[in-house]
N, C-alpha and C. Protein backbone atom coordinates (compact mmCIF):
# COMPACT_ATOMS: atom_id res chain seq x y z
N MET A 1 155.66 60.41 25.69
CA MET A 1 156.15 61.95 25.98
C MET A 1 155.33 62.74 25.55
N THR A 2 154.73 63.50 26.80
CA THR A 2 153.63 64.42 26.52
C THR A 2 154.06 65.78 26.07
N PHE A 3 153.25 66.84 25.79
CA PHE A 3 153.57 67.75 24.50
C PHE A 3 154.40 68.59 25.79
N LEU A 4 153.99 68.66 27.50
CA LEU A 4 154.60 69.48 27.80
C LEU A 4 156.47 68.95 28.29
N ASN A 5 156.08 67.68 28.76
CA ASN A 5 157.82 67.20 28.82
C ASN A 5 158.52 67.56 27.45
N PHE A 6 157.97 67.31 26.09
CA PHE A 6 158.48 67.50 25.36
C PHE A 6 159.31 69.23 25.42
N TYR A 7 157.97 70.25 25.27
CA TYR A 7 158.57 71.67 25.77
C TYR A 7 159.77 71.96 26.75
N PHE A 8 159.41 71.33 27.48
CA PHE A 8 160.63 71.76 28.67
C PHE A 8 161.72 70.99 28.57
N MET A 9 161.97 70.19 27.43
CA MET A 9 163.39 69.60 27.10
C MET A 9 163.80 70.22 26.50
N MET A 10 162.87 71.27 25.39
CA MET A 10 164.04 71.82 24.20
C MET A 10 163.94 73.02 24.38
N GLY A 11 165.41 73.49 24.27
CA GLY A 11 166.40 74.42 24.50
C GLY A 11 166.29 75.63 22.89
N SER A 12 166.86 76.68 23.43
CA SER A 12 166.36 77.49 22.10
C SER A 12 167.79 76.67 21.11
N PRO A 13 167.34 77.28 19.83
CA PRO A 13 168.63 76.10 18.55
C PRO A 13 170.18 77.22 18.91
N ASP A 14 170.10 78.30 19.23
CA ASP A 14 170.93 78.86 19.55
C ASP A 14 171.86 78.99 20.64
N GLY A 15 171.70 78.14 21.65
CA GLY A 15 171.86 78.03 22.80
C GLY A 15 171.79 79.10 23.90
N GLY A 16 170.93 80.22 23.35
CA GLY A 16 170.18 81.46 24.11
C GLY A 16 169.81 80.88 25.29
N GLY A 17 169.41 81.89 26.02
CA GLY A 17 168.82 81.65 27.70
C GLY A 17 167.39 81.99 27.53
N ASP A 18 166.99 81.90 26.57
CA ASP A 18 164.83 81.65 26.53
C ASP A 18 164.55 80.84 27.36
N GLY A 19 165.19 79.28 27.64
CA GLY A 19 164.50 78.52 28.27
C GLY A 19 164.53 78.91 29.41
N ALA A 20 165.29 79.73 30.05
CA ALA A 20 165.67 79.78 31.88
C ALA A 20 164.12 80.85 32.11
N LEU A 21 163.77 81.80 30.96
CA LEU A 21 163.39 83.06 30.95
C LEU A 21 161.89 82.34 31.17
N ILE A 22 161.37 81.27 30.32
CA ILE A 22 160.01 80.78 29.91
C ILE A 22 159.96 79.89 31.88
N ASN A 23 160.96 79.06 32.05
CA ASN A 23 161.00 78.51 33.50
C ASN A 23 160.34 79.55 34.64
N LEU A 24 161.36 80.30 34.92
CA LEU A 24 160.74 81.61 35.74
C LEU A 24 159.68 82.10 35.28
N PHE A 25 158.71 82.06 34.18
CA PHE A 25 157.49 82.69 33.84
C PHE A 25 156.66 81.28 34.54
N PHE A 26 156.89 80.61 34.13
CA PHE A 26 156.01 79.10 34.75
C PHE A 26 155.71 79.22 36.24
N LEU A 27 157.06 79.63 36.96
CA LEU A 27 157.32 78.90 38.41
C LEU A 27 156.50 80.04 38.85
N GLY A 28 156.78 81.26 38.16
CA GLY A 28 156.02 82.39 39.07
C GLY A 28 154.56 82.37 38.63
N ALA A 29 153.67 81.90 37.88
CA ALA A 29 152.62 81.43 37.63
C ALA A 29 152.08 80.19 38.56
N ILE A 30 152.74 79.47 38.92
CA ILE A 30 152.78 78.26 39.80
C ILE A 30 152.35 79.54 40.92
N PHE A 31 153.25 79.73 41.81
CA PHE A 31 153.27 80.61 42.44
C PHE A 31 151.80 81.52 42.97
N PHE A 32 151.44 82.03 41.78
CA PHE A 32 150.64 82.78 41.68
C PHE A 32 148.95 82.17 42.16
N VAL A 33 149.12 81.15 41.45
CA VAL A 33 147.93 79.83 41.86
C VAL A 33 147.52 79.43 42.93
N PHE A 34 148.97 78.94 43.69
CA PHE A 34 149.44 78.67 44.67
C PHE A 34 148.90 79.67 46.04
N TYR A 35 149.43 80.66 45.55
CA TYR A 35 149.10 81.68 46.55
C TYR A 35 147.33 82.10 46.65
N PHE A 36 147.00 82.42 45.15
CA PHE A 36 145.38 82.93 45.37
C PHE A 36 144.43 82.02 45.28
N PHE A 37 144.45 81.06 45.07
CA PHE A 37 143.80 79.57 45.23
C PHE A 37 144.00 78.88 46.72
N ILE A 38 145.24 78.86 47.08
CA ILE A 38 145.13 78.22 48.50
C ILE A 38 145.67 78.95 49.82
N ILE A 39 146.94 79.75 49.36
CA ILE A 39 146.65 79.97 51.00
C ILE A 39 146.28 81.08 51.24
N ARG A 40 146.05 82.31 50.35
CA ARG A 40 145.06 83.40 50.73
C ARG A 40 143.64 83.03 51.09
N PRO A 41 143.04 82.52 50.73
CA PRO A 41 141.91 81.90 51.32
C PRO A 41 141.64 81.00 52.49
N GLN A 42 142.82 80.84 53.21
CA GLN A 42 142.98 79.85 54.28
C GLN A 42 143.05 80.56 55.26
N SER A 43 144.36 81.79 54.89
CA SER A 43 144.54 82.69 55.76
C SER A 43 143.46 83.17 56.00
N LYS A 44 142.67 83.50 55.12
CA LYS A 44 141.21 84.93 55.35
C LYS A 44 140.17 84.15 56.27
N ARG A 45 140.61 82.46 56.19
CA ARG A 45 139.15 81.92 56.85
C ARG A 45 139.71 81.58 58.45
N GLN A 46 141.20 81.61 58.34
CA GLN A 46 141.68 81.49 59.75
C GLN A 46 141.49 82.90 60.47
N LYS A 47 141.77 84.00 60.01
CA LYS A 47 141.64 85.26 60.77
C LYS A 47 140.11 85.36 61.09
N GLU A 48 138.82 85.34 60.20
CA GLU A 48 137.76 85.05 60.40
C GLU A 48 137.41 84.09 61.74
N ILE A 49 138.09 82.82 61.64
CA ILE A 49 137.69 82.27 63.09
C ILE A 49 137.79 83.16 64.31
N GLN A 50 139.17 83.57 64.10
CA GLN A 50 139.99 84.22 65.10
C GLN A 50 139.04 85.22 65.73
N ARG A 51 138.31 85.73 64.85
CA ARG A 51 137.60 86.99 65.14
C ARG A 51 136.61 86.82 66.07
N LYS A 52 135.78 85.62 65.30
CA LYS A 52 134.92 85.02 65.84
C LYS A 52 134.69 84.70 67.23
N VAL A 53 136.16 83.94 67.38
CA VAL A 53 136.11 83.67 69.02
C VAL A 53 136.66 84.70 69.99
N GLY A 54 137.26 85.37 69.53
CA GLY A 54 137.43 86.76 70.04
C GLY A 54 136.02 87.62 70.99
N GLU A 55 135.13 87.39 69.25
CA GLU A 55 133.89 87.70 70.27
C GLU A 55 133.00 87.14 70.72
N MET A 56 133.33 85.91 70.88
CA MET A 56 131.69 85.13 71.16
C MET A 56 131.89 85.46 73.04
N LYS A 57 130.55 85.01 72.98
CA LYS A 57 130.11 85.38 74.67
C LYS A 57 129.15 83.99 75.23
N LYS A 58 128.69 84.33 76.69
CA LYS A 58 127.92 83.44 77.21
C LYS A 58 126.45 83.14 76.13
N GLY A 59 126.34 81.91 76.34
CA GLY A 59 125.22 81.58 75.04
C GLY A 59 125.42 81.07 73.75
N ASP A 60 126.54 81.75 73.11
CA ASP A 60 126.88 81.07 71.70
C ASP A 60 126.91 79.64 72.17
N LYS A 61 126.34 79.16 70.73
CA LYS A 61 126.67 77.74 70.32
C LYS A 61 128.37 77.87 69.43
N VAL A 62 128.65 76.65 69.97
CA VAL A 62 130.43 76.74 69.29
C VAL A 62 130.24 75.07 68.81
N VAL A 63 131.55 74.98 68.01
CA VAL A 63 131.80 73.53 67.52
C VAL A 63 133.32 73.59 67.44
N THR A 64 134.02 72.43 68.23
CA THR A 64 135.12 72.28 68.33
C THR A 64 135.54 71.62 67.57
N GLY A 65 137.27 71.26 67.69
CA GLY A 65 137.65 70.63 66.33
C GLY A 65 137.11 69.18 66.34
N GLY A 66 137.40 68.82 67.19
CA GLY A 66 136.85 67.28 67.72
C GLY A 66 135.48 67.09 67.23
N GLY A 67 134.49 68.22 66.54
CA GLY A 67 133.45 68.06 66.27
C GLY A 67 132.30 68.25 67.60
N LEU A 68 132.37 68.69 69.05
CA LEU A 68 131.88 68.41 69.59
C LEU A 68 130.97 69.95 69.67
N ILE A 69 129.57 70.11 69.99
CA ILE A 69 129.26 71.22 69.85
C ILE A 69 128.30 71.42 71.15
N GLY A 70 128.24 72.56 71.37
CA GLY A 70 128.23 72.95 72.72
C GLY A 70 127.60 74.18 73.03
N THR A 71 127.24 74.50 74.08
CA THR A 71 127.21 76.23 74.72
C THR A 71 127.83 76.93 75.52
N VAL A 72 128.37 77.79 75.02
CA VAL A 72 129.35 78.71 76.03
C VAL A 72 128.76 78.88 77.11
N ASN A 73 129.63 78.23 78.24
CA ASN A 73 128.74 78.55 79.56
C ASN A 73 129.73 79.94 80.20
N THR A 74 131.11 79.44 80.70
CA THR A 74 131.99 80.58 80.78
C THR A 74 133.50 80.54 79.77
N ILE A 75 134.15 81.97 80.04
CA ILE A 75 135.27 82.37 79.36
C ILE A 75 136.19 82.43 79.83
N ASP A 76 137.31 81.74 80.24
CA ASP A 76 138.42 82.53 80.49
C ASP A 76 139.30 82.72 79.64
N ASP A 77 141.01 83.24 79.72
CA ASP A 77 142.10 84.16 79.02
C ASP A 77 142.04 82.78 78.19
N GLU A 78 142.58 81.64 78.30
CA GLU A 78 142.83 80.65 77.56
C GLU A 78 141.60 79.74 77.31
N THR A 79 140.58 79.27 77.81
CA THR A 79 139.76 78.32 77.72
C THR A 79 138.35 79.01 78.04
N VAL A 80 137.19 77.62 77.56
CA VAL A 80 136.31 77.95 77.43
C VAL A 80 135.91 76.80 78.30
N LEU A 81 134.40 77.18 78.88
CA LEU A 81 133.54 75.95 79.69
C LEU A 81 132.83 75.79 78.63
N LEU A 82 132.28 74.96 78.01
CA LEU A 82 131.06 74.31 77.35
C LEU A 82 130.37 73.31 78.02
N GLU A 83 128.96 73.76 77.72
CA GLU A 83 127.98 72.51 78.43
C GLU A 83 127.31 72.07 76.90
N ILE A 84 127.67 70.74 77.15
CA ILE A 84 127.54 69.87 75.33
C ILE A 84 126.49 69.42 75.64
N ASP A 85 125.53 68.98 77.09
CA ASP A 85 124.32 68.46 77.11
C ASP A 85 123.82 68.81 78.24
N SER A 86 122.96 68.97 78.63
CA SER A 86 122.20 69.62 79.90
C SER A 86 123.30 68.13 81.31
N GLY A 87 123.74 69.37 81.83
CA GLY A 87 124.39 68.65 83.08
C GLY A 87 125.85 68.47 82.71
N VAL A 88 126.31 68.52 81.26
CA VAL A 88 127.37 67.98 81.11
C VAL A 88 128.32 69.18 80.67
N LYS A 89 129.54 69.31 81.52
CA LYS A 89 130.24 70.33 80.82
C LYS A 89 131.78 69.96 80.72
N ALA A 90 132.60 70.88 79.75
CA ALA A 90 133.62 70.36 79.54
C ALA A 90 134.54 71.48 79.04
N ARG A 91 135.86 71.57 79.71
CA ARG A 91 136.51 72.89 79.45
C ARG A 91 137.76 72.51 77.81
N PHE A 92 137.60 73.48 77.40
CA PHE A 92 138.71 73.25 75.80
C PHE A 92 139.25 74.49 75.99
N GLN A 93 140.00 74.49 74.88
CA GLN A 93 141.23 75.30 74.65
C GLN A 93 140.24 76.26 73.77
N LYS A 94 140.71 77.72 73.56
CA LYS A 94 140.15 78.43 72.55
C LYS A 94 140.49 78.12 71.45
N SER A 95 141.93 77.98 70.98
CA SER A 95 142.36 77.44 69.83
C SER A 95 141.85 76.47 69.29
N SER A 96 140.42 75.09 70.05
CA SER A 96 140.34 74.31 69.72
C SER A 96 139.08 74.44 69.22
N ILE A 97 138.59 75.46 69.18
CA ILE A 97 137.38 76.03 68.64
C ILE A 97 136.93 76.09 66.96
N THR A 98 136.44 75.73 66.43
CA THR A 98 136.05 75.66 64.85
C THR A 98 135.13 76.55 64.16
N ASP A 99 134.25 77.03 65.10
CA ASP A 99 132.83 77.31 64.15
C ASP A 99 132.26 78.27 65.79
N VAL A 100 131.66 79.76 65.87
CA VAL A 100 130.70 79.95 66.37
C VAL A 100 129.89 80.84 65.33
N ASN A 101 128.45 79.87 66.48
CA ASN A 101 126.97 80.60 65.75
C ASN A 101 126.38 81.32 67.03
N PRO A 102 126.63 82.67 66.78
CA PRO A 102 126.02 83.69 68.04
C PRO A 102 124.60 83.23 68.30
N GLY A 103 124.02 83.54 69.01
CA GLY A 103 122.77 83.37 69.41
C GLY A 103 122.04 82.14 69.21
N LYS A 104 122.52 81.09 68.50
CA LYS A 104 121.77 79.96 67.97
C LYS A 104 121.66 79.15 68.94
N LYS A 105 120.62 78.42 69.38
CA LYS A 105 120.22 77.54 70.51
C LYS A 105 119.89 76.08 70.13
């Protein structure tokens, strides 16, 4: 039995509600860690990608979710026509674009 298991199984000697307050504190600490180290950075990264996709223009180099790298040829409302190789073009949803590198050739 580890120290933490023993600590959480202990109750206060007089049967008071101190254990509940400590458990609530640890639950809040776990939520704090998850929010600031996992949820918040991921949402910031997602907003940055959405901003880049909204600002992309013809000639920008992009990476899709499937790993394809191409140059933007035309942009529609929901789709983008990418030139993957010389003479090879494919249409992708804007939501599948994971990175935009403007001006790179």
